Amino acid sequence: MRILVSNDDGIASRGLKALVEAVTPLAEVWVVAPESEQSAASHALSLHRPLRAREVQPRWFAVDGTPADCVYMAVHHLMKDERPKLVVSGINHGPNLADDVIYSGTVAAAMEGSLLGVPAIAFSLVSRRQFEFEHAAKFAGALAKAALANPMPDRTLLNVNVPSHGPPEGYEITRLGRHHYTGDVIEKEDPRGRRYYWIGGTGYEHEKAEGTDVTAVLDHRRVSITPLQLDLTEQKMIETLRAWQLEGFLQVK
């Protein structure tokens, strides 16, 4: 039985090594991770350039691409003789809460596994500076073991966020919450007089709502486990759209 480990912080990250150690007792572990950091790469695939895979050590590969590239390469090529039973991604150096899942390369790696028919879990440590992976890794090992023993629905994945600085106060099954970063754009000028920009705000606030991932982690110091699905269809809007009057667009004058 095989487990595939990937991430978006790169092949040399401490969080990746902690996750590998946590799941090694469970199965044969393969690591296919980006050569360099790919944070906020989302679900990008490199379709317009070739990829290179460098074998770092047996069953460890560094790919000069995105997290989704890594999982795609692993399942379709590097591990094609025997597909993994589980994909785990992380442990991310920072949170992936609420809307973060849209941008996250960590979540994208797990999502690519799910798209390819492999159960998947993304793990993140909710910290900005000091990264102590002991408790997150211990929880990751326990959840991975449970995921191998219990079937997960097709086209779903788990997004897990672990509070930092000491042991968590339990865990909670959650839904995605809402949070907000300030929309800063910093304008600078290079030595040749050309303008350039840094995007991404540093200010932060979250909606305090019980049952959400942000409230569980940030307010209650619990591990959040959020099941995600790949079907983004807004079912409630289907009937609303059917009532729209769009027939006129077929008439050619």
C-alpha atoms as a PDB file:
ATOM      1  CA  MET A   1       0.000   0.000   0.000  1.00  0.00           C
ATOM      2  CA  ARG A   2       1.319   3.433  -0.961  1.00  0.00           C
ATOM      3  CA  ILE A   3       0.821   6.982   0.301  1.00  0.00           C
ATOM      4  CA  LEU A   4       1.769   9.990  -1.838  1.00  0.00           C
ATOM      5  CA  VAL A   5       2.993  13.098  -0.011  1.00  0.00           C
ATOM      6  CA  SER A   6       3.171  16.515  -1.676  1.00  0.00           C
ATOM      7  CA  ASN A   7       2.964  20.181  -0.684  1.00  0.00           C
ATOM      8  CA  ASP A   8       3.370  23.746  -1.952  1.00  0.00           C
ATOM      9  CA  ASP A   9       6.261  24.853   0.275  1.00  0.00           C
ATOM     10  CA  GLY A  10       8.810  22.810  -1.630  1.00  0.00           C
ATOM     11  CA  ILE A  11      10.749  19.569  -1.350  1.00  0.00           C
ATOM     12  CA  ALA A  12      12.992  20.858   1.476  1.00  0.00           C
ATOM     13  CA  SER A  13      10.283  22.223   3.780  1.00  0.00           C
ATOM     14  CA  ARG A  14      10.129  21.200   7.434  1.00  0.00           C
ATOM     15  CA  GLY A  15       6.389  20.645   7.235  1.00  0.00           C
ATOM     16  CA  LEU A  16       6.800  18.107   4.434  1.00  0.00           C
ATOM     17  CA  LYS A  17       9.392  16.163   6.411  1.00  0.00           C
ATOM     18  CA  ALA A  18       7.154  16.154   9.491  1.00  0.00           C
ATOM     19  CA  LEU A  19       4.237  14.805   7.443  1.00  0.00           C
ATOM     20  CA  VAL A  20       6.403  12.102   5.873  1.00  0.00           C
ATOM     21  CA  GLU A  21       7.538  10.942   9.316  1.00  0.00           C
ATOM     22  CA  ALA A  22       3.938  10.883  10.532  1.00  0.00           C
ATOM     23  CA  VAL A  23       2.622   8.626   7.746  1.00  0.00           C
ATOM     24  CA  THR A  24       5.683   6.409   7.236  1.00  0.00           C
ATOM     25  CA  PRO A  25       4.435   3.761   9.723  1.00  0.00           C
ATOM     26  CA  LEU A  26       1.214   3.377   7.697  1.00  0.00           C
ATOM     27  CA  ALA A  27       2.411   2.458   4.212  1.00  0.00           C
ATOM     28  CA  GLU A  28       5.160   2.811   1.610  1.00  0.00           C
ATOM     29  CA  VAL A  29       5.633   6.564   1.268  1.00  0.00           C
ATOM     30  CA  TRP A  30       6.392   8.373  -1.988  1.00  0.00           C
ATOM     31  CA  VAL A  31       7.221  12.089  -2.009  1.00  0.00           C
ATOM     32  CA  VAL A  32       6.637  14.178  -5.142  1.00  0.00           C
ATOM     33  CA  ALA A  33       6.842  17.870  -4.313  1.00  0.00           C
ATOM     34  CA  PRO A  34       7.746  21.165  -6.011  1.00  0.00           C
ATOM     35  CA  GLU A  35      11.426  21.997  -6.459  1.00  0.00           C
ATOM     36  CA  SER A  36      10.766  25.444  -4.947  1.00  0.00           C
ATOM     37  CA  GLU A  37       7.973  27.176  -3.057  1.00  0.00           C
ATOM     38  CA  GLN A  38       4.656  27.375  -4.907  1.00  0.00           C
ATOM     39  CA  SER A  39       2.431  29.031  -2.308  1.00  0.00           C
ATOM     40  CA  ALA A  40      -0.834  30.460  -3.705  1.00  0.00           C
ATOM     41  CA  ALA A  41      -0.293  28.559  -6.976  1.00  0.00           C
ATOM     42  CA  SER A  42      -3.870  27.275  -6.687  1.00  0.00           C
ATOM     43  CA  HIS A  43      -4.689  24.471  -9.154  1.00  0.00           C
ATOM     44  CA  ALA A  44      -2.441  25.567 -12.004  1.00  0.00           C
ATOM     45  CA  LEU A  45      -1.086  22.912 -14.387  1.00  0.00           C
ATOM     46  CA  SER A  46       1.999  23.509 -16.557  1.00  0.00           C
ATOM     47  CA  LEU A  47       0.613  22.754 -20.019  1.00  0.00           C
ATOM     48  CA  HIS A  48       2.839  25.050 -22.105  1.00  0.00           C
ATOM     49  CA  ARG A  49       6.307  23.991 -20.994  1.00  0.00           C
ATOM     50  CA  PRO A  50       8.058  20.717 -20.167  1.00  0.00           C
ATOM     51  CA  LEU A  51       8.508  19.544 -16.578  1.00  0.00           C
ATOM     52  CA  ARG A  52      11.608  18.053 -15.014  1.00  0.00           C
ATOM     53  CA  ALA A  53      11.560  15.557 -12.148  1.00  0.00           C
ATOM     54  CA  ARG A  54      14.755  15.186 -10.091  1.00  0.00           C
ATOM     55  CA  GLU A  55      15.132  12.105  -7.902  1.00  0.00           C
ATOM     56  CA  VAL A  56      16.433  13.352  -4.556  1.00  0.00           C
ATOM     57  CA  GLN A  57      16.561   9.893  -2.968  1.00  0.00           C
ATOM     58  CA  PRO A  58      14.620   6.669  -3.505  1.00  0.00           C
ATOM     59  CA  ARG A  59      10.889   7.464  -3.839  1.00  0.00           C
ATOM     60  CA  TRP A  60      11.546  11.233  -3.363  1.00  0.00           C
ATOM     61  CA  PHE A  61      11.151  13.464  -6.435  1.00  0.00           C
ATOM     62  CA  ALA A  62      11.428  17.237  -6.857  1.00  0.00           C
ATOM     63  CA  VAL A  63       9.389  18.601  -9.794  1.00  0.00           C
ATOM     64  CA  ASP A  64       9.948  22.068 -11.262  1.00  0.00           C
ATOM     65  CA  GLY A  65       6.225  22.733 -11.375  1.00  0.00           C
ATOM     66  CA  THR A  66       3.120  23.368  -9.330  1.00  0.00           C
ATOM     67  CA  PRO A  67       1.617  21.179  -6.583  1.00  0.00           C
ATOM     68  CA  ALA A  68      -1.052  19.959  -9.014  1.00  0.00           C
ATOM     69  CA  ASP A  69       1.718  19.099 -11.521  1.00  0.00           C
ATOM     70  CA  CYS A  70       3.414  17.008  -8.840  1.00  0.00           C
ATOM     71  CA  VAL A  71       0.371  14.893  -8.033  1.00  0.00           C
ATOM     72  CA  TYR A  72      -0.510  14.507 -11.716  1.00  0.00           C
ATOM     73  CA  MET A  73       3.056  13.374 -12.493  1.00  0.00           C
ATOM     74  CA  ALA A  74       3.109  11.004  -9.543  1.00  0.00           C
ATOM     75  CA  VAL A  75      -0.184   9.237 -10.245  1.00  0.00           C
ATOM     76  CA  HIS A  76       0.095   9.091 -14.049  1.00  0.00           C
ATOM     77  CA  HIS A  77       3.821   8.435 -14.393  1.00  0.00           C
ATOM     78  CA  LEU A  78       6.097   7.978 -11.391  1.00  0.00           C
ATOM     79  CA  MET A  79       3.700   5.656  -9.539  1.00  0.00           C
ATOM     80  CA  LYS A  80       1.755   4.300 -12.517  1.00  0.00           C
ATOM     81  CA  ASP A  81       2.608   0.687 -11.691  1.00  0.00           C
ATOM     82  CA  GLU A  82       0.692   1.021  -8.397  1.00  0.00           C
ATOM     83  CA  ARG A  83      -1.457   4.037  -7.621  1.00  0.00           C
ATOM     84  CA  PRO A  84      -1.419   5.475  -4.093  1.00  0.00           C
ATOM     85  CA  LYS A  85      -4.247   4.674  -1.705  1.00  0.00           C
ATOM     86  CA  LEU A  86      -4.068   8.148  -0.183  1.00  0.00           C
ATOM     87  CA  VAL A  87      -2.673  11.578  -1.072  1.00  0.00           C
ATOM     88  CA  VAL A  88      -1.629  13.833   1.800  1.00  0.00           C
ATOM     89  CA  SER A  89      -0.452  17.401   1.262  1.00  0.00           C
ATOM     90  CA  GLY A  90       1.428  19.699   3.655  1.00  0.00           C
ATOM     91  CA  ILE A  91       2.054  20.327   6.407  1.00  0.00           C
ATOM     92  CA  ASN A  92       1.637  23.865   5.118  1.00  0.00           C
ATOM     93  CA  HIS A  93       3.627  26.673   6.730  1.00  0.00           C
ATOM     94  CA  GLY A  94       0.574  28.812   7.426  1.00  0.00           C
ATOM     95  CA  PRO A  95      -3.230  28.575   7.465  1.00  0.00           C
ATOM     96  CA  ASN A  96      -5.557  27.463   4.706  1.00  0.00           C
ATOM     97  CA  LEU A  97      -8.863  28.566   6.188  1.00  0.00           C
ATOM     98  CA  ALA A  98     -12.088  29.797   4.585  1.00  0.00           C
ATOM     99  CA  ASP A  99     -11.440  31.430   1.188  1.00  0.00           C
ATOM    100  CA  ASP A 100      -7.755  30.425   1.345  1.00  0.00           C
ATOM    101  CA  VAL A 101      -8.726  27.081  -0.181  1.00  0.00           C
ATOM    102  CA  ILE A 102      -9.324  28.816  -3.532  1.00  0.00           C
ATOM    103  CA  TYR A 103      -5.710  30.031  -3.740  1.00  0.00           C
ATOM    104  CA  SER A 104      -3.902  27.316  -1.834  1.00  0.00           C
ATOM    105  CA  GLY A 105      -1.380  25.092  -3.554  1.00  0.00           C
ATOM    106  CA  THR A 106      -1.521  22.754  -0.558  1.00  0.00           C
ATOM    107  CA  VAL A 107      -5.255  22.214  -1.038  1.00  0.00           C
ATOM    108  CA  ALA A 108      -4.773  21.996  -4.825  1.00  0.00           C
ATOM    109  CA  ALA A 109      -2.392  19.056  -4.452  1.00  0.00           C
ATOM    110  CA  ALA A 110      -5.021  17.183  -2.430  1.00  0.00           C
ATOM    111  CA  MET A 111      -7.717  18.273  -4.871  1.00  0.00           C
ATOM    112  CA  GLU A 112      -5.745  16.892  -7.823  1.00  0.00           C
ATOM    113  CA  GLY A 113      -5.512  13.579  -6.018  1.00  0.00           C
ATOM    114  CA  SER A 114      -9.264  13.580  -5.525  1.00  0.00           C
ATOM    115  CA  LEU A 115      -9.833  14.429  -9.199  1.00  0.00           C
ATOM    116  CA  LEU A 116      -7.726  11.404 -10.105  1.00  0.00           C
ATOM    117  CA  GLY A 117      -9.803   9.151  -7.882  1.00  0.00           C
ATOM    118  CA  VAL A 118      -7.497   8.986  -4.865  1.00  0.00           C
ATOM    119  CA  PRO A 119      -8.730   9.948  -1.361  1.00  0.00           C
ATOM    120  CA  ALA A 120      -6.874  13.055  -0.226  1.00  0.00           C
ATOM    121  CA  ILE A 121      -6.198  15.281   2.796  1.00  0.00           C
ATOM    122  CA  ALA A 122      -4.551  18.719   3.030  1.00  0.00           C
ATOM    123  CA  PHE A 123      -2.860  19.698   6.311  1.00  0.00           C
ATOM    124  CA  SER A 124      -1.919  23.223   7.404  1.00  0.00           C
ATOM    125  CA  LEU A 125      -0.380  24.704  10.556  1.00  0.00           C
ATOM    126  CA  VAL A 126      -2.063  27.976  11.513  1.00  0.00           C
ATOM    127  CA  SER A 127       0.970  30.092  12.289  1.00  0.00           C
ATOM    128  CA  ARG A 128       2.728  33.015  10.639  1.00  0.00           C
ATOM    129  CA  ARG A 129       6.194  32.894  12.199  1.00  0.00           C
ATOM    130  CA  GLN A 130       7.040  30.059  14.587  1.00  0.00           C
ATOM    131  CA  PHE A 131       6.354  26.636  13.104  1.00  0.00           C
ATOM    132  CA  GLU A 132       6.250  23.742  15.555  1.00  0.00           C
ATOM    133  CA  PHE A 133       4.933  20.720  13.678  1.00  0.00           C
ATOM    134  CA  GLU A 134       4.863  18.126  16.470  1.00  0.00           C
ATOM    135  CA  HIS A 135       1.144  18.250  17.271  1.00  0.00           C
ATOM    136  CA  ALA A 136       0.071  18.787  13.655  1.00  0.00           C
ATOM    137  CA  ALA A 137       2.119  15.778  12.545  1.00  0.00           C
ATOM    138  CA  LYS A 138       0.690  13.584  15.302  1.00  0.00           C
ATOM    139  CA  PHE A 139      -2.852  14.501  14.266  1.00  0.00           C
ATOM    140  CA  ALA A 140      -1.993  13.987  10.583  1.00  0.00           C
ATOM    141  CA  GLY A 141      -0.805  10.460  11.275  1.00  0.00           C
ATOM    142  CA  ALA A 142      -3.988   9.594  13.173  1.00  0.00           C
ATOM    143  CA  LEU A 143      -6.294  11.043  10.502  1.00  0.00           C
ATOM    144  CA  ALA A 144      -4.393   9.411   7.649  1.00  0.00           C
ATOM    145  CA  LYS A 145      -4.714   6.051   9.400  1.00  0.00           C
ATOM    146  CA  ALA A 146      -8.470   6.593   9.778  1.00  0.00           C
ATOM    147  CA  ALA A 147      -8.792   7.649   6.112  1.00  0.00           C
ATOM    148  CA  LEU A 148      -7.096   4.430   4.982  1.00  0.00           C
ATOM    149  CA  ALA A 149      -9.506   2.376   7.095  1.00  0.00           C
ATOM    150  CA  ASN A 150     -12.691   4.242   6.159  1.00  0.00           C
ATOM    151  CA  PRO A 151     -13.783   4.874   2.555  1.00  0.00           C
ATOM    152  CA  MET A 152     -14.294   8.495   1.523  1.00  0.00           C
ATOM    153  CA  PRO A 153     -16.880   9.585  -1.073  1.00  0.00           C
ATOM    154  CA  ASP A 154     -15.648  10.126  -4.621  1.00  0.00           C
ATOM    155  CA  ARG A 155     -14.516  13.635  -5.567  1.00  0.00           C
ATOM    156  CA  THR A 156     -14.177  14.822  -1.987  1.00  0.00           C
ATOM    157  CA  LEU A 157     -11.191  15.757   0.158  1.00  0.00           C
ATOM    158  CA  LEU A 158     -10.491  16.880   3.708  1.00  0.00           C
ATOM    159  CA  ASN A 159      -8.979  20.257   4.547  1.00  0.00           C
ATOM    160  CA  VAL A 160      -7.341  20.248   7.990  1.00  0.00           C
ATOM    161  CA  ASN A 161      -6.012  23.235   9.942  1.00  0.00           C
ATOM    162  CA  VAL A 162      -4.132  22.789  13.211  1.00  0.00           C
ATOM    163  CA  PRO A 163      -3.612  25.603  15.746  1.00  0.00           C
ATOM    164  CA  SER A 164      -0.027  26.423  16.672  1.00  0.00           C
ATOM    165  CA  HIS A 165       1.812  26.906  19.989  1.00  0.00           C
ATOM    166  CA  GLY A 166       1.048  23.831  22.022  1.00  0.00           C
ATOM    167  CA  PRO A 167      -1.455  20.989  21.892  1.00  0.00           C
ATOM    168  CA  PRO A 168      -4.901  21.754  20.423  1.00  0.00           C
ATOM    169  CA  GLU A 169      -8.076  21.683  22.488  1.00  0.00           C
ATOM    170  CA  GLY A 170      -9.542  18.747  20.567  1.00  0.00           C
ATOM    171  CA  TYR A 171     -10.899  18.773  17.037  1.00  0.00           C
ATOM    172  CA  GLU A 172     -14.098  19.808  15.273  1.00  0.00           C
ATOM    173  CA  ILE A 173     -15.802  18.856  12.006  1.00  0.00           C
ATOM    174  CA  THR A 174     -16.423  22.206  10.340  1.00  0.00           C
ATOM    175  CA  ARG A 175     -17.638  24.083   7.291  1.00  0.00           C
ATOM    176  CA  LEU A 176     -15.689  26.802   5.490  1.00  0.00           C
ATOM    177  CA  GLY A 177     -15.938  30.153   7.226  1.00  0.00           C
ATOM    178  CA  ARG A 178     -15.364  33.657   5.968  1.00  0.00           C
ATOM    179  CA  HIS A 179     -12.453  35.979   6.485  1.00  0.00           C
ATOM    180  CA  HIS A 180     -11.028  39.106   4.955  1.00  0.00           C
ATOM    181  CA  TYR A 181      -7.546  40.397   4.188  1.00  0.00           C
ATOM    182  CA  THR A 182      -6.999  44.069   3.495  1.00  0.00           C
ATOM    183  CA  GLY A 183      -6.625  44.578  -0.257  1.00  0.00           C
ATOM    184  CA  ASP A 184      -3.273  46.353  -0.210  1.00  0.00           C
ATOM    185  CA  VAL A 185      -1.394  47.161  -3.393  1.00  0.00           C
ATOM    186  CA  ILE A 186       2.070  48.621  -2.783  1.00  0.00           C
ATOM    187  CA  GLU A 187       3.507  50.581  -5.693  1.00  0.00           C
ATOM    188  CA  LYS A 188       7.296  50.904  -6.111  1.00  0.00           C
ATOM    189  CA  GLU A 189       9.717  52.039  -8.795  1.00  0.00           C
ATOM    190  CA  ASP A 190      12.717  50.076 -10.034  1.00  0.00           C
ATOM    191  CA  PRO A 191      16.133  51.674 -10.810  1.00  0.00           C
ATOM    192  CA  ARG A 192      15.084  52.176 -14.460  1.00  0.00           C
ATOM    193  CA  GLY A 193      12.000  54.166 -13.496  1.00  0.00           C
ATOM    194  CA  ARG A 194       9.468  51.421 -14.207  1.00  0.00           C
ATOM    195  CA  ARG A 195       6.653  50.839 -11.755  1.00  0.00           C
ATOM    196  CA  TYR A 196       6.047  47.489 -10.071  1.00  0.00           C
ATOM    197  CA  TYR A 197       3.551  46.286  -7.486  1.00  0.00           C
ATOM    198  CA  TRP A 198       3.244  43.998  -4.471  1.00  0.00           C
ATOM    199  CA  ILE A 199      -0.280  42.675  -3.909  1.00  0.00           C
ATOM    200  CA  GLY A 200      -1.758  40.948  -0.858  1.00  0.00           C
ATOM    201  CA  GLY A 201      -2.825  42.723   2.314  1.00  0.00           C
ATOM    202  CA  THR A 202      -1.513  42.050   5.806  1.00  0.00           C
ATOM    203  CA  GLY A 203      -4.565  43.165   7.804  1.00  0.00           C
ATOM    204  CA  TYR A 204      -6.949  40.366   8.764  1.00  0.00           C
ATOM    205  CA  GLU A 205     -10.326  39.741  10.359  1.00  0.00           C
ATOM    206  CA  HIS A 206     -12.709  36.783  10.367  1.00  0.00           C
ATOM    207  CA  GLU A 207     -16.413  36.277  10.789  1.00  0.00           C
ATOM    208  CA  LYS A 208     -17.153  34.710  14.160  1.00  0.00           C
ATOM    209  CA  ALA A 209     -19.639  31.932  13.405  1.00  0.00           C
ATOM    210  CA  GLU A 210     -19.826  28.664  15.290  1.00  0.00           C
ATOM    211  CA  GLY A 211     -19.210  25.567  13.226  1.00  0.00           C
ATOM    212  CA  THR A 212     -16.726  27.231  10.861  1.00  0.00           C
ATOM    213  CA  ASP A 213     -13.075  26.401  10.419  1.00  0.00           C
ATOM    214  CA  VAL A 214     -11.856  29.897  11.317  1.00  0.00           C
ATOM    215  CA  THR A 215     -13.806  30.008  14.581  1.00  0.00           C
ATOM    216  CA  ALA A 216     -12.787  26.482  15.573  1.00  0.00           C
ATOM    217  CA  VAL A 217      -9.080  27.168  15.084  1.00  0.00           C
ATOM    218  CA  LEU A 218      -8.667  30.848  15.928  1.00  0.00           C
ATOM    219  CA  ASP A 219     -11.211  31.223  18.725  1.00  0.00           C
ATOM    220  CA  HIS A 220     -11.354  27.727  20.263  1.00  0.00           C
ATOM    221  CA  ARG A 221      -7.884  26.365  19.433  1.00  0.00           C
ATOM    222  CA  ARG A 222      -9.328  23.201  17.940  1.00  0.00           C
ATOM    223  CA  VAL A 223      -8.194  21.325  14.863  1.00  0.00           C
ATOM    224  CA  SER A 224     -10.681  21.918  12.056  1.00  0.00           C
ATOM    225  CA  ILE A 225     -11.557  19.122   9.627  1.00  0.00           C
ATOM    226  CA  THR A 226     -13.543  20.471   6.693  1.00  0.00           C
ATOM    227  CA  PRO A 227     -14.852  18.112   3.991  1.00  0.00           C
ATOM    228  CA  LEU A 228     -14.695  19.722   0.557  1.00  0.00           C
ATOM    229  CA  GLN A 229     -16.387  18.593  -2.652  1.00  0.00           C
ATOM    230  CA  LEU A 230     -15.358  19.210  -6.239  1.00  0.00           C
ATOM    231  CA  ASP A 231     -18.901  19.852  -7.485  1.00  0.00           C
ATOM    232  CA  LEU A 232     -19.182  23.654  -7.361  1.00  0.00           C
ATOM    233  CA  THR A 233     -22.726  23.719  -8.765  1.00  0.00           C
ATOM    234  CA  GLU A 234     -25.076  26.061  -6.903  1.00  0.00           C
ATOM    235  CA  GLN A 235     -28.070  23.734  -6.902  1.00  0.00           C
ATOM    236  CA  LYS A 236     -30.500  26.309  -5.498  1.00  0.00           C
ATOM    237  CA  MET A 237     -29.933  28.642  -8.443  1.00  0.00           C
ATOM    238  CA  ILE A 238     -30.792  26.128 -11.172  1.00  0.00           C
ATOM    239  CA  GLU A 239     -34.540  26.777 -11.022  1.00  0.00           C
ATOM    240  CA  THR A 240     -33.942  30.526 -10.763  1.00  0.00           C
ATOM    241  CA  LEU A 241     -31.905  30.503 -13.968  1.00  0.00           C
ATOM    242  CA  ARG A 242     -34.560  28.499 -15.790  1.00  0.00           C
ATOM    243  CA  ALA A 243     -36.960  31.389 -15.180  1.00  0.00           C
ATOM    244  CA  TRP A 244     -34.679  33.912 -16.906  1.00  0.00           C
ATOM    245  CA  GLN A 245     -35.925  35.026 -20.317  1.00  0.00           C
ATOM    246  CA  LEU A 246     -33.000  34.276 -22.646  1.00  0.00           C
ATOM    247  CA  GLU A 247     -34.773  33.000 -25.769  1.00  0.00           C
ATOM    248  CA  GLY A 248     -34.168  36.234 -27.674  1.00  0.00           C
ATOM    249  CA  PHE A 249     -30.450  35.618 -28.042  1.00  0.00           C
ATOM    250  CA  LEU A 250     -31.209  32.872 -30.598  1.00  0.00           C
ATOM    251  CA  GLN A 251     -32.923  35.299 -32.959  1.00  0.00           C
ATOM    252  CA  VAL A 252     -30.590  36.634 -35.635  1.00  0.00           C
ATOM    253  CA  LYS A 253     -31.571  39.905 -37.260  1.00  0.00           C
END
